[in-house]
Amino acid sequence: MAAGSFYFFLSPGEKPKIQMPDLKGGSSLQASKFIPFTPEEIQEARSEMKLTLENLLHAQNSFFQDENRYTSDLKVLGWAPLKGEIRYKAGFAEAFHPVPLVSYHEIKENPENFTTDQFIRDIMTDGSQDRYHYSELVTQIDLHVYDSLCRYGCKVTVKTFEIIFVMPLGDLHHVDVWLVNHNNEIVRIKDGVTGQLNL
């Protein structure tokens, strides 16, 4: 991933616009007694998620500054799991095929690396599946089920991008859905605890 602080591409003093819905009657963590995760597990999972989202936002902005366009290649963007067990599924709805492709930080751009599924397929063939793997719940997630929540189609163009992240909070009935886009927004579009949408 390119060097530099996370706010590298933002205006001086500007922070990423992280949007989460205001909840009436208490916080989402207070409602967590209705789901398998404890409040501490929810907090840990969401903290890990936000760090991953921030890193990818920074990486896309750095790539845009260098190449004057965005990419759908998560590997070129430097994405890698923070832990051995991957507790979310993420990516774009489809590959973006610009011409020409580039080598970025000595990695040849491959538009087909547009979801974390491709990372899992790759490690299944290179012998490192014992190091990284999806959690059992995440293997059951189909990102396209959540297409209707995308604000920009969860796609990449030359000047726009939107990445979707889906993370179960203990079961598939309680799923956080997050979006990151070219407007420097990090949005929790669906609260997995309350089911509230932030459309």
N, C-alpha and C. Protein backbone atom coordinates (compact mmCIF):
# COMPACT_ATOMS: atom_id res chain seq x y z
N MET A 1 0.85 -1.19 0.00
CA MET A 1 0.00 0.00 0.00
C MET A 1 0.88 1.24 0.00
N ALA A 2 0.44 2.28 -0.65
CA ALA A 2 1.26 3.48 -0.75
C ALA A 2 1.51 4.08 0.62
N ALA A 3 2.68 4.65 0.80
CA ALA A 3 3.02 5.26 2.07
C ALA A 3 2.26 6.56 2.23
N GLY A 4 2.18 7.02 3.49
CA GLY A 4 1.51 8.27 3.76
C GLY A 4 0.36 8.08 4.73
N SER A 5 -0.09 9.18 5.28
CA SER A 5 -1.17 9.09 6.26
C SER A 5 -2.49 8.79 5.56
N PHE A 6 -3.47 8.34 6.35
CA PHE A 6 -4.77 7.97 5.80
C PHE A 6 -5.44 9.15 5.11
N TYR A 7 -5.25 10.38 5.64
CA TYR A 7 -5.93 11.55 5.09
C TYR A 7 -5.17 12.18 3.93
N PHE A 8 -4.26 11.41 3.33
CA PHE A 8 -3.36 11.87 2.28
C PHE A 8 -4.07 12.62 1.16
N PHE A 9 -5.23 12.14 0.72
CA PHE A 9 -5.88 12.69 -0.46
C PHE A 9 -6.99 13.68 -0.11
N LEU A 10 -7.27 13.84 1.20
CA LEU A 10 -8.34 14.74 1.61
C LEU A 10 -7.79 16.16 1.75
N SER A 11 -8.69 17.11 1.81
CA SER A 11 -8.28 18.48 2.02
C SER A 11 -7.67 18.62 3.41
N PRO A 12 -6.79 19.61 3.62
CA PRO A 12 -6.16 19.77 4.93
C PRO A 12 -7.20 19.88 6.04
N GLY A 13 -7.05 19.05 7.05
CA GLY A 13 -7.98 19.06 8.17
C GLY A 13 -9.25 18.29 7.95
N GLU A 14 -9.48 17.80 6.73
CA GLU A 14 -10.72 17.08 6.43
C GLU A 14 -10.59 15.62 6.82
N LYS A 15 -11.63 15.07 7.42
CA LYS A 15 -11.66 13.66 7.78
C LYS A 15 -12.64 12.93 6.88
N PRO A 16 -12.49 11.61 6.76
CA PRO A 16 -13.48 10.85 5.98
C PRO A 16 -14.85 10.97 6.61
N LYS A 17 -15.86 11.01 5.76
CA LYS A 17 -17.23 11.19 6.25
C LYS A 17 -17.80 9.82 6.60
N ILE A 18 -17.72 9.46 7.88
CA ILE A 18 -18.21 8.17 8.34
C ILE A 18 -19.65 8.34 8.80
N GLN A 19 -20.57 7.70 8.12
CA GLN A 19 -21.99 7.85 8.40
C GLN A 19 -22.54 6.60 9.06
N MET A 20 -23.15 6.80 10.22
CA MET A 20 -23.86 5.72 10.89
C MET A 20 -25.18 6.29 11.40
N PRO A 21 -26.27 5.55 11.28
CA PRO A 21 -27.57 6.09 11.66
C PRO A 21 -27.67 6.35 13.14
N ASP A 22 -28.37 7.44 13.51
CA ASP A 22 -28.69 7.68 14.91
C ASP A 22 -29.78 6.70 15.31
N LEU A 23 -29.61 6.10 16.48
CA LEU A 23 -30.56 5.09 16.93
C LEU A 23 -31.38 5.63 18.08
N LYS A 24 -32.68 5.49 17.99
CA LYS A 24 -33.56 5.93 19.06
C LYS A 24 -33.67 4.82 20.10
N GLY A 25 -33.72 5.24 21.36
CA GLY A 25 -33.90 4.25 22.41
C GLY A 25 -32.62 3.52 22.78
N GLY A 26 -31.46 4.11 22.53
CA GLY A 26 -30.22 3.49 22.94
C GLY A 26 -29.34 3.11 21.77
N SER A 27 -28.11 2.79 22.07
CA SER A 27 -27.15 2.46 21.02
C SER A 27 -27.37 1.06 20.51
N SER A 28 -26.75 0.78 19.35
CA SER A 28 -26.88 -0.54 18.77
C SER A 28 -26.27 -1.60 19.67
N LEU A 29 -25.22 -1.24 20.40
CA LEU A 29 -24.59 -2.23 21.27
C LEU A 29 -25.51 -2.62 22.42
N GLN A 30 -26.35 -1.69 22.87
CA GLN A 30 -27.28 -2.03 23.94
C GLN A 30 -28.33 -3.03 23.47
N ALA A 31 -28.57 -3.04 22.17
CA ALA A 31 -29.57 -3.97 21.62
C ALA A 31 -28.98 -5.33 21.30
N SER A 32 -27.69 -5.50 21.55
CA SER A 32 -27.01 -6.69 21.07
C SER A 32 -27.40 -7.96 21.83
N LYS A 33 -28.14 -7.84 22.91
CA LYS A 33 -28.56 -9.04 23.64
C LYS A 33 -29.45 -9.93 22.79
N PHE A 34 -29.96 -9.40 21.66
CA PHE A 34 -30.84 -10.17 20.80
C PHE A 34 -30.08 -10.96 19.74
N ILE A 35 -28.77 -10.82 19.68
CA ILE A 35 -27.98 -11.51 18.66
C ILE A 35 -26.88 -12.32 19.32
N PRO A 36 -26.27 -13.25 18.58
CA PRO A 36 -25.26 -14.12 19.17
C PRO A 36 -24.01 -13.41 19.67
N PHE A 37 -23.58 -12.32 19.02
CA PHE A 37 -22.38 -11.63 19.44
C PHE A 37 -22.62 -10.85 20.73
N THR A 38 -21.62 -10.79 21.58
CA THR A 38 -21.66 -9.93 22.75
C THR A 38 -21.34 -8.50 22.33
N PRO A 39 -21.66 -7.51 23.17
CA PRO A 39 -21.29 -6.13 22.82
C PRO A 39 -19.79 -5.97 22.55
N GLU A 40 -18.97 -6.69 23.30
CA GLU A 40 -17.53 -6.59 23.10
C GLU A 40 -17.13 -7.17 21.75
N GLU A 41 -17.75 -8.28 21.35
CA GLU A 41 -17.44 -8.88 20.06
C GLU A 41 -17.90 -7.99 18.91
N ILE A 42 -19.04 -7.33 19.08
CA ILE A 42 -19.52 -6.40 18.05
C ILE A 42 -18.55 -5.24 17.91
N GLN A 43 -18.12 -4.69 19.05
CA GLN A 43 -17.20 -3.56 19.02
C GLN A 43 -15.88 -3.94 18.35
N GLU A 44 -15.36 -5.12 18.68
CA GLU A 44 -14.12 -5.58 18.09
C GLU A 44 -14.26 -5.77 16.58
N ALA A 45 -15.36 -6.41 16.16
CA ALA A 45 -15.58 -6.66 14.74
C ALA A 45 -15.72 -5.35 13.97
N ARG A 46 -16.45 -4.40 14.53
CA ARG A 46 -16.65 -3.13 13.84
C ARG A 46 -15.38 -2.30 13.80
N SER A 47 -14.57 -2.38 14.84
CA SER A 47 -13.29 -1.66 14.84
C SER A 47 -12.38 -2.20 13.75
N GLU A 48 -12.33 -3.53 13.62
CA GLU A 48 -11.53 -4.15 12.57
C GLU A 48 -12.06 -3.75 11.19
N MET A 49 -13.38 -3.71 11.05
CA MET A 49 -14.00 -3.34 9.78
C MET A 49 -13.64 -1.91 9.41
N LYS A 50 -13.78 -0.97 10.34
CA LYS A 50 -13.52 0.43 10.05
C LYS A 50 -12.06 0.65 9.66
N LEU A 51 -11.14 -0.06 10.30
CA LEU A 51 -9.73 0.07 9.93
C LEU A 51 -9.50 -0.40 8.51
N THR A 52 -10.11 -1.52 8.14
CA THR A 52 -9.99 -2.03 6.78
C THR A 52 -10.58 -1.06 5.77
N LEU A 53 -11.74 -0.50 6.08
CA LEU A 53 -12.39 0.46 5.19
C LEU A 53 -11.53 1.71 5.00
N GLU A 54 -10.98 2.21 6.08
CA GLU A 54 -10.14 3.41 6.00
C GLU A 54 -8.90 3.15 5.15
N ASN A 55 -8.29 1.98 5.34
CA ASN A 55 -7.10 1.65 4.56
C ASN A 55 -7.40 1.57 3.06
N LEU A 56 -8.54 0.96 2.71
CA LEU A 56 -8.89 0.85 1.29
C LEU A 56 -9.26 2.21 0.70
N LEU A 57 -9.92 3.05 1.46
CA LEU A 57 -10.23 4.39 0.98
C LEU A 57 -8.94 5.16 0.69
N HIS A 58 -8.02 5.10 1.60
CA HIS A 58 -6.73 5.76 1.40
C HIS A 58 -6.02 5.20 0.16
N ALA A 59 -6.05 3.89 0.01
CA ALA A 59 -5.35 3.25 -1.11
C ALA A 59 -5.97 3.65 -2.45
N GLN A 60 -7.31 3.68 -2.53
CA GLN A 60 -7.95 4.10 -3.78
C GLN A 60 -7.60 5.55 -4.10
N ASN A 61 -7.59 6.41 -3.09
CA ASN A 61 -7.27 7.81 -3.34
C ASN A 61 -5.82 7.97 -3.80
N SER A 62 -4.93 7.19 -3.22
CA SER A 62 -3.53 7.24 -3.64
C SER A 62 -3.37 6.73 -5.07
N PHE A 63 -4.06 5.64 -5.39
CA PHE A 63 -4.02 5.10 -6.75
C PHE A 63 -4.55 6.13 -7.75
N PHE A 64 -5.64 6.80 -7.39
CA PHE A 64 -6.22 7.81 -8.29
C PHE A 64 -5.24 8.95 -8.53
N GLN A 65 -4.57 9.37 -7.48
CA GLN A 65 -3.62 10.47 -7.66
C GLN A 65 -2.48 10.08 -8.59
N ASP A 66 -2.05 8.82 -8.50
CA ASP A 66 -0.94 8.36 -9.33
C ASP A 66 -1.36 8.03 -10.76
N GLU A 67 -2.57 7.46 -10.93
CA GLU A 67 -2.98 6.93 -12.24
C GLU A 67 -4.14 7.69 -12.88
N ASN A 68 -4.71 8.65 -12.17
CA ASN A 68 -5.84 9.45 -12.66
C ASN A 68 -7.06 8.60 -12.98
N ARG A 69 -7.23 7.53 -12.25
CA ARG A 69 -8.42 6.70 -12.34
C ARG A 69 -8.44 5.76 -11.13
N TYR A 70 -9.54 5.04 -10.97
CA TYR A 70 -9.65 4.06 -9.89
C TYR A 70 -9.44 2.65 -10.44
N THR A 71 -9.39 1.67 -9.54
CA THR A 71 -9.17 0.29 -9.93
C THR A 71 -10.11 -0.63 -9.16
N SER A 72 -10.41 -1.78 -9.76
CA SER A 72 -11.20 -2.80 -9.05
C SER A 72 -10.32 -3.90 -8.47
N ASP A 73 -9.00 -3.75 -8.57
CA ASP A 73 -8.08 -4.78 -8.10
C ASP A 73 -7.74 -4.56 -6.62
N LEU A 74 -8.36 -5.37 -5.74
CA LEU A 74 -8.12 -5.23 -4.31
C LEU A 74 -6.67 -5.53 -3.95
N LYS A 75 -6.04 -6.42 -4.70
CA LYS A 75 -4.65 -6.77 -4.42
C LYS A 75 -3.72 -5.59 -4.71
N VAL A 76 -3.94 -4.92 -5.84
CA VAL A 76 -3.17 -3.72 -6.15
C VAL A 76 -3.36 -2.65 -5.08
N LEU A 77 -4.55 -2.60 -4.49
CA LEU A 77 -4.83 -1.63 -3.44
C LEU A 77 -4.22 -2.02 -2.10
N GLY A 78 -3.58 -3.18 -2.06
CA GLY A 78 -2.89 -3.58 -0.84
C GLY A 78 -3.78 -4.28 0.16
N TRP A 79 -5.00 -4.68 -0.25
CA TRP A 79 -5.87 -5.35 0.71
C TRP A 79 -5.29 -6.71 1.10
N ALA A 80 -5.33 -6.98 2.39
CA ALA A 80 -4.99 -8.29 2.92
C ALA A 80 -5.70 -8.43 4.25
N PRO A 81 -6.07 -9.63 4.65
CA PRO A 81 -6.76 -9.82 5.93
C PRO A 81 -5.90 -9.37 7.10
N LEU A 82 -6.56 -8.79 8.11
CA LEU A 82 -5.85 -8.42 9.32
C LEU A 82 -5.61 -9.63 10.22
N LYS A 83 -6.46 -10.63 10.06
CA LYS A 83 -6.36 -11.85 10.86
C LYS A 83 -6.53 -13.06 9.96
N GLY A 84 -6.19 -14.24 10.48
CA GLY A 84 -6.31 -15.45 9.70
C GLY A 84 -7.73 -15.77 9.30
N GLU A 85 -8.67 -15.53 10.22
CA GLU A 85 -10.08 -15.77 9.90
C GLU A 85 -10.70 -14.48 9.40
N ILE A 86 -11.19 -14.50 8.18
CA ILE A 86 -11.80 -13.31 7.57
C ILE A 86 -13.28 -13.30 7.92
N ARG A 87 -13.71 -12.26 8.63
CA ARG A 87 -15.07 -12.25 9.18
C ARG A 87 -16.05 -11.42 8.35
N TYR A 88 -15.66 -11.09 7.13
CA TYR A 88 -16.53 -10.32 6.25
C TYR A 88 -16.24 -10.73 4.81
N LYS A 89 -17.14 -10.32 3.92
CA LYS A 89 -16.91 -10.49 2.49
C LYS A 89 -17.02 -9.09 1.87
N ALA A 90 -16.17 -8.82 0.89
CA ALA A 90 -16.11 -7.47 0.36
C ALA A 90 -15.74 -7.47 -1.11
N GLY A 91 -16.04 -6.35 -1.76
CA GLY A 91 -15.62 -6.18 -3.15
C GLY A 91 -16.53 -5.30 -3.95
N PHE A 92 -16.38 -5.42 -5.27
CA PHE A 92 -17.19 -4.67 -6.22
C PHE A 92 -18.16 -5.63 -6.90
N ALA A 93 -19.19 -5.07 -7.52
CA ALA A 93 -20.19 -5.90 -8.19
C ALA A 93 -19.61 -6.57 -9.44
N GLU A 94 -18.61 -5.93 -10.05
CA GLU A 94 -18.03 -6.47 -11.26
C GLU A 94 -16.64 -5.88 -11.46
N ALA A 95 -15.87 -6.51 -12.34
CA ALA A 95 -14.52 -6.03 -12.64
C ALA A 95 -14.59 -4.77 -13.52
N PHE A 96 -13.62 -3.89 -13.33
CA PHE A 96 -13.46 -2.70 -14.16
C PHE A 96 -12.23 -2.91 -15.03
N HIS A 97 -12.40 -2.87 -16.36
CA HIS A 97 -11.33 -3.19 -17.30
C HIS A 97 -10.86 -1.93 -18.03
N PRO A 98 -9.97 -1.16 -17.43
CA PRO A 98 -9.42 0.01 -18.12
C PRO A 98 -8.33 -0.41 -19.10
N VAL A 99 -8.03 0.49 -20.02
CA VAL A 99 -6.94 0.26 -20.96
C VAL A 99 -6.05 1.50 -20.94
N PRO A 100 -4.75 1.34 -20.66
CA PRO A 100 -4.08 0.06 -20.38
C PRO A 100 -4.13 -0.27 -18.89
N LEU A 101 -3.84 -1.53 -18.56
CA LEU A 101 -3.62 -1.90 -17.17
C LEU A 101 -2.22 -1.43 -16.77
N VAL A 102 -1.98 -1.35 -15.47
CA VAL A 102 -0.70 -0.81 -15.00
C VAL A 102 -0.04 -1.79 -14.03
N SER A 103 1.23 -1.58 -13.80
CA SER A 103 1.92 -2.21 -12.68
C SER A 103 2.04 -1.15 -11.61
N TYR A 104 1.55 -1.49 -10.44
CA TYR A 104 1.48 -0.50 -9.36
C TYR A 104 2.19 -1.08 -8.14
N HIS A 105 3.24 -0.40 -7.70
CA HIS A 105 4.06 -0.90 -6.59
C HIS A 105 4.50 -2.34 -6.88
N GLU A 106 4.91 -2.55 -8.13
CA GLU A 106 5.45 -3.83 -8.61
C GLU A 106 4.42 -4.95 -8.64
N ILE A 107 3.15 -4.61 -8.58
CA ILE A 107 2.07 -5.59 -8.72
C ILE A 107 1.33 -5.30 -10.01
N LYS A 108 1.22 -6.29 -10.87
CA LYS A 108 0.51 -6.11 -12.13
C LYS A 108 -0.99 -6.10 -11.87
N GLU A 109 -1.65 -5.07 -12.35
CA GLU A 109 -3.07 -4.91 -12.12
C GLU A 109 -3.88 -6.02 -12.79
N ASN A 110 -4.78 -6.61 -12.04
CA ASN A 110 -5.67 -7.65 -12.54
C ASN A 110 -7.11 -7.31 -12.12
N PRO A 111 -7.93 -6.79 -13.03
CA PRO A 111 -9.29 -6.37 -12.67
C PRO A 111 -10.14 -7.48 -12.05
N GLU A 112 -9.76 -8.74 -12.30
CA GLU A 112 -10.56 -9.84 -11.77
C GLU A 112 -10.40 -10.03 -10.27
N ASN A 113 -9.47 -9.32 -9.67
CA ASN A 113 -9.31 -9.36 -8.20
C ASN A 113 -10.29 -8.39 -7.54
N PHE A 114 -11.55 -8.45 -7.94
CA PHE A 114 -12.50 -7.42 -7.50
C PHE A 114 -13.31 -7.81 -6.26
N THR A 115 -13.12 -9.02 -5.73
CA THR A 115 -13.75 -9.40 -4.46
C THR A 115 -12.76 -10.18 -3.61
N THR A 116 -13.07 -10.28 -2.33
CA THR A 116 -12.26 -11.10 -1.44
C THR A 116 -12.36 -12.58 -1.80
N ASP A 117 -13.41 -12.96 -2.52
CA ASP A 117 -13.53 -14.36 -2.98
C ASP A 117 -12.32 -14.77 -3.82
N GLN A 118 -11.82 -13.85 -4.65
CA GLN A 118 -10.68 -14.17 -5.50
C GLN A 118 -9.44 -14.43 -4.66
N PHE A 119 -9.28 -13.67 -3.59
CA PHE A 119 -8.16 -13.90 -2.67
C PHE A 119 -8.23 -15.31 -2.10
N ILE A 120 -9.43 -15.72 -1.69
CA ILE A 120 -9.61 -17.06 -1.13
C ILE A 120 -9.32 -18.13 -2.19
N ARG A 121 -9.78 -17.90 -3.42
CA ARG A 121 -9.49 -18.87 -4.49
C ARG A 121 -8.00 -19.00 -4.74
N ASP A 122 -7.29 -17.85 -4.68
CA ASP A 122 -5.85 -17.88 -4.92
C ASP A 122 -5.11 -18.66 -3.85
N ILE A 123 -5.47 -18.45 -2.59
CA ILE A 123 -4.72 -19.13 -1.53
C ILE A 123 -5.06 -20.61 -1.48
N MET A 124 -6.19 -21.00 -2.03
CA MET A 124 -6.52 -22.43 -2.10
C MET A 124 -5.61 -23.15 -3.07
N THR A 125 -5.02 -22.40 -4.00
CA THR A 125 -4.13 -23.02 -4.99
C THR A 125 -2.66 -22.84 -4.66
N ASP A 126 -2.33 -21.88 -3.77
CA ASP A 126 -0.91 -21.68 -3.46
C ASP A 126 -0.48 -22.30 -2.14
N GLY A 127 -1.40 -23.04 -1.49
CA GLY A 127 -1.02 -23.80 -0.29
C GLY A 127 -1.08 -23.04 1.01
N SER A 128 -1.61 -21.79 1.01
CA SER A 128 -1.65 -21.01 2.25
C SER A 128 -3.05 -20.95 2.86
N GLN A 129 -3.92 -21.91 2.52
CA GLN A 129 -5.28 -21.89 3.04
C GLN A 129 -5.33 -22.08 4.55
N ASP A 130 -4.27 -22.65 5.13
CA ASP A 130 -4.25 -22.80 6.58
C ASP A 130 -3.99 -21.47 7.29
N ARG A 131 -3.47 -20.50 6.54
CA ARG A 131 -3.15 -19.20 7.13
C ARG A 131 -4.36 -18.27 7.10
N TYR A 132 -5.11 -18.26 6.00
CA TYR A 132 -6.27 -17.40 5.87
C TYR A 132 -7.48 -18.21 5.43
N HIS A 133 -8.64 -17.85 5.97
CA HIS A 133 -9.87 -18.53 5.56
C HIS A 133 -11.06 -17.67 5.98
N TYR A 134 -12.17 -17.82 5.26
CA TYR A 134 -13.41 -17.19 5.68
C TYR A 134 -13.93 -17.89 6.93
N SER A 135 -14.65 -17.13 7.78
CA SER A 135 -15.41 -17.78 8.84
C SER A 135 -16.53 -18.59 8.19
N GLU A 136 -17.06 -19.56 8.91
CA GLU A 136 -18.09 -20.43 8.35
C GLU A 136 -19.29 -19.63 7.86
N LEU A 137 -19.69 -18.59 8.60
CA LEU A 137 -20.84 -17.79 8.19
C LEU A 137 -20.55 -17.03 6.90
N VAL A 138 -19.35 -16.49 6.78
CA VAL A 138 -19.03 -15.65 5.63
C VAL A 138 -19.06 -16.45 4.34
N THR A 139 -18.72 -17.73 4.41
CA THR A 139 -18.76 -18.55 3.20
C THR A 139 -20.15 -18.60 2.58
N GLN A 140 -21.18 -18.31 3.37
CA GLN A 140 -22.56 -18.38 2.89
C GLN A 140 -23.07 -17.06 2.31
N ILE A 141 -22.27 -16.02 2.36
CA ILE A 141 -22.70 -14.70 1.91
C ILE A 141 -22.52 -14.54 0.41
N ASP A 142 -23.55 -14.03 -0.25
CA ASP A 142 -23.49 -13.65 -1.66
C ASP A 142 -23.61 -12.12 -1.72
N LEU A 143 -22.56 -11.44 -2.12
CA LEU A 143 -22.58 -9.98 -2.13
C LEU A 143 -23.71 -9.41 -2.98
N HIS A 144 -24.09 -10.11 -4.05
CA HIS A 144 -25.12 -9.58 -4.95
C HIS A 144 -26.49 -9.51 -4.28
N VAL A 145 -26.68 -10.22 -3.20
CA VAL A 145 -27.94 -10.12 -2.44
C VAL A 145 -28.14 -8.69 -1.94
N TYR A 146 -27.03 -7.96 -1.77
CA TYR A 146 -27.10 -6.62 -1.18
C TYR A 146 -26.93 -5.51 -2.22
N ASP A 147 -27.03 -5.85 -3.50
CA ASP A 147 -26.86 -4.86 -4.57
C ASP A 147 -27.78 -3.66 -4.42
N SER A 148 -29.00 -3.90 -3.92
CA SER A 148 -29.98 -2.80 -3.84
C SER A 148 -29.57 -1.74 -2.83
N LEU A 149 -28.62 -2.04 -1.95
CA LEU A 149 -28.17 -1.06 -0.96
C LEU A 149 -27.07 -0.16 -1.50
N CYS A 150 -26.52 -0.49 -2.66
CA CYS A 150 -25.42 0.31 -3.22
C CYS A 150 -25.94 1.66 -3.71
N ARG A 151 -25.20 2.70 -3.46
CA ARG A 151 -25.56 4.04 -3.92
C ARG A 151 -25.01 4.33 -5.32
N TYR A 152 -23.89 3.72 -5.66
CA TYR A 152 -23.26 3.94 -6.96
C TYR A 152 -23.05 2.62 -7.69
N GLY A 153 -23.90 1.64 -7.39
CA GLY A 153 -23.86 0.37 -8.09
C GLY A 153 -22.77 -0.58 -7.62
N CYS A 154 -21.99 -0.15 -6.60
CA CYS A 154 -20.86 -0.94 -6.11
C CYS A 154 -19.93 -1.33 -7.26
N LYS A 155 -19.67 -0.34 -8.12
CA LYS A 155 -18.83 -0.55 -9.29
C LYS A 155 -17.70 0.46 -9.32
N VAL A 156 -16.83 0.31 -10.30
CA VAL A 156 -15.71 1.22 -10.51
C VAL A 156 -15.82 1.83 -11.90
N THR A 157 -15.60 3.13 -12.00
CA THR A 157 -15.41 3.81 -13.28
C THR A 157 -14.10 4.58 -13.18
N VAL A 158 -13.76 5.31 -14.21
CA VAL A 158 -12.54 6.11 -14.16
C VAL A 158 -12.57 7.08 -12.99
N LYS A 159 -13.71 7.71 -12.74
CA LYS A 159 -13.79 8.78 -11.75
C LYS A 159 -14.59 8.42 -10.50
N THR A 160 -15.16 7.23 -10.42
CA THR A 160 -15.97 6.87 -9.26
C THR A 160 -15.66 5.44 -8.82
N PHE A 161 -15.96 5.17 -7.57
CA PHE A 161 -15.89 3.78 -7.08
C PHE A 161 -16.79 3.63 -5.86
N GLU A 162 -17.19 2.39 -5.62
CA GLU A 162 -17.92 2.06 -4.41
C GLU A 162 -17.65 0.59 -4.06
N ILE A 163 -17.16 0.37 -2.87
CA ILE A 163 -16.87 -0.98 -2.37
C ILE A 163 -17.91 -1.33 -1.31
N ILE A 164 -18.39 -2.56 -1.34
CA ILE A 164 -19.35 -3.03 -0.33
C ILE A 164 -18.67 -4.06 0.56
N PHE A 165 -18.97 -3.98 1.85
CA PHE A 165 -18.50 -4.94 2.85
C PHE A 165 -19.71 -5.48 3.59
N VAL A 166 -19.76 -6.79 3.74
CA VAL A 166 -20.86 -7.44 4.46
C VAL A 166 -20.27 -8.29 5.58
N MET A 167 -20.72 -8.03 6.81
CA MET A 167 -20.15 -8.71 7.97
C MET A 167 -21.26 -9.23 8.88
N PRO A 168 -21.39 -10.55 9.03
CA PRO A 168 -22.39 -11.10 9.96
C PRO A 168 -21.97 -10.90 11.41
N LEU A 169 -22.93 -10.57 12.25
CA LEU A 169 -22.67 -10.40 13.68
C LEU A 169 -23.19 -11.61 14.44
N GLY A 170 -22.61 -12.75 14.14
CA GLY A 170 -22.98 -13.95 14.87
C GLY A 170 -23.90 -14.88 14.13
N ASP A 171 -24.73 -14.34 13.22
CA ASP A 171 -25.56 -15.18 12.35
C ASP A 171 -25.94 -14.36 11.12
N LEU A 172 -26.57 -15.01 10.15
CA LEU A 172 -26.88 -14.34 8.89
C LEU A 172 -28.15 -13.49 8.96
N HIS A 173 -28.82 -13.49 10.09
CA HIS A 173 -29.98 -12.62 10.28
C HIS A 173 -29.56 -11.24 10.80
N HIS A 174 -28.33 -11.11 11.24
CA HIS A 174 -27.82 -9.85 11.77
C HIS A 174 -26.52 -9.53 11.05
N VAL A 175 -26.63 -8.72 10.02
CA VAL A 175 -25.50 -8.46 9.12
C VAL A 175 -25.28 -6.97 8.98
N ASP A 176 -24.08 -6.52 9.31
CA ASP A 176 -23.68 -5.14 9.02
C ASP A 176 -23.32 -5.04 7.54
N VAL A 177 -23.77 -3.96 6.88
CA VAL A 177 -23.38 -3.70 5.50
C VAL A 177 -22.78 -2.29 5.45
N TRP A 178 -21.55 -2.21 4.95
CA TRP A 178 -20.82 -0.95 4.87
C TRP A 178 -20.49 -0.64 3.42
N LEU A 179 -20.42 0.66 3.10
CA LEU A 179 -20.02 1.12 1.78
C LEU A 179 -18.89 2.13 1.92
N VAL A 180 -17.97 2.11 0.96
CA VAL A 180 -16.92 3.12 0.86
C VAL A 180 -16.94 3.65 -0.56
N ASN A 181 -16.85 4.97 -0.74
CA ASN A 181 -16.95 5.50 -2.10
C ASN A 181 -15.99 6.66 -2.35
N HIS A 182 -16.02 7.13 -3.60
CA HIS A 182 -15.11 8.17 -4.08
C HIS A 182 -15.36 9.52 -3.43
N ASN A 183 -16.47 9.69 -2.73
CA ASN A 183 -16.75 10.93 -2.01
C ASN A 183 -16.12 10.94 -0.62
N ASN A 184 -15.22 9.99 -0.37
CA ASN A 184 -14.58 9.85 0.93
C ASN A 184 -15.58 9.53 2.04
N GLU A 185 -16.63 8.81 1.67
CA GLU A 185 -17.64 8.41 2.64
C GLU A 185 -17.43 6.96 3.07
N ILE A 186 -17.50 6.74 4.35
CA ILE A 186 -17.57 5.39 4.92
C ILE A 186 -18.93 5.30 5.60
N VAL A 187 -19.81 4.49 5.03
CA VAL A 187 -21.21 4.48 5.43
C VAL A 187 -21.61 3.09 5.92
N ARG A 188 -22.12 3.02 7.15
CA ARG A 188 -22.77 1.77 7.54
C ARG A 188 -24.21 1.86 7.06
N ILE A 189 -24.47 1.23 5.93
CA ILE A 189 -25.75 1.39 5.26
C ILE A 189 -26.83 0.53 5.91
N LYS A 190 -26.41 -0.54 6.60
CA LYS A 190 -27.36 -1.39 7.33
C LYS A 190 -26.74 -1.78 8.66
N ASP A 191 -27.49 -1.54 9.73
CA ASP A 191 -27.05 -1.90 11.08
C ASP A 191 -27.49 -3.35 11.34
N GLY A 192 -26.51 -4.21 11.55
CA GLY A 192 -26.82 -5.63 11.72
C GLY A 192 -27.51 -5.96 13.02
N VAL A 193 -27.47 -5.06 13.99
CA VAL A 193 -28.12 -5.31 15.28
C VAL A 193 -29.59 -4.92 15.22
N THR A 194 -29.85 -3.70 14.76
CA THR A 194 -31.23 -3.21 14.77
C THR A 194 -31.95 -3.45 13.46
N GLY A 195 -31.21 -3.71 12.37
CA GLY A 195 -31.82 -3.85 11.05
C GLY A 195 -32.09 -2.52 10.39
N GLN A 196 -31.73 -1.41 11.06
CA GLN A 196 -32.01 -0.07 10.53
C GLN A 196 -31.16 0.21 9.30
N LEU A 197 -31.79 0.81 8.28
CA LEU A 197 -31.10 1.21 7.05
C LEU A 197 -30.76 2.68 7.07
N ASN A 198 -29.63 3.04 6.49
CA ASN A 198 -29.19 4.41 6.36
C ASN A 198 -29.06 4.75 4.88
N LEU A 199 -30.22 4.77 4.21
CA LEU A 199 -30.26 4.95 2.75
C LEU A 199 -30.18 6.43 2.37
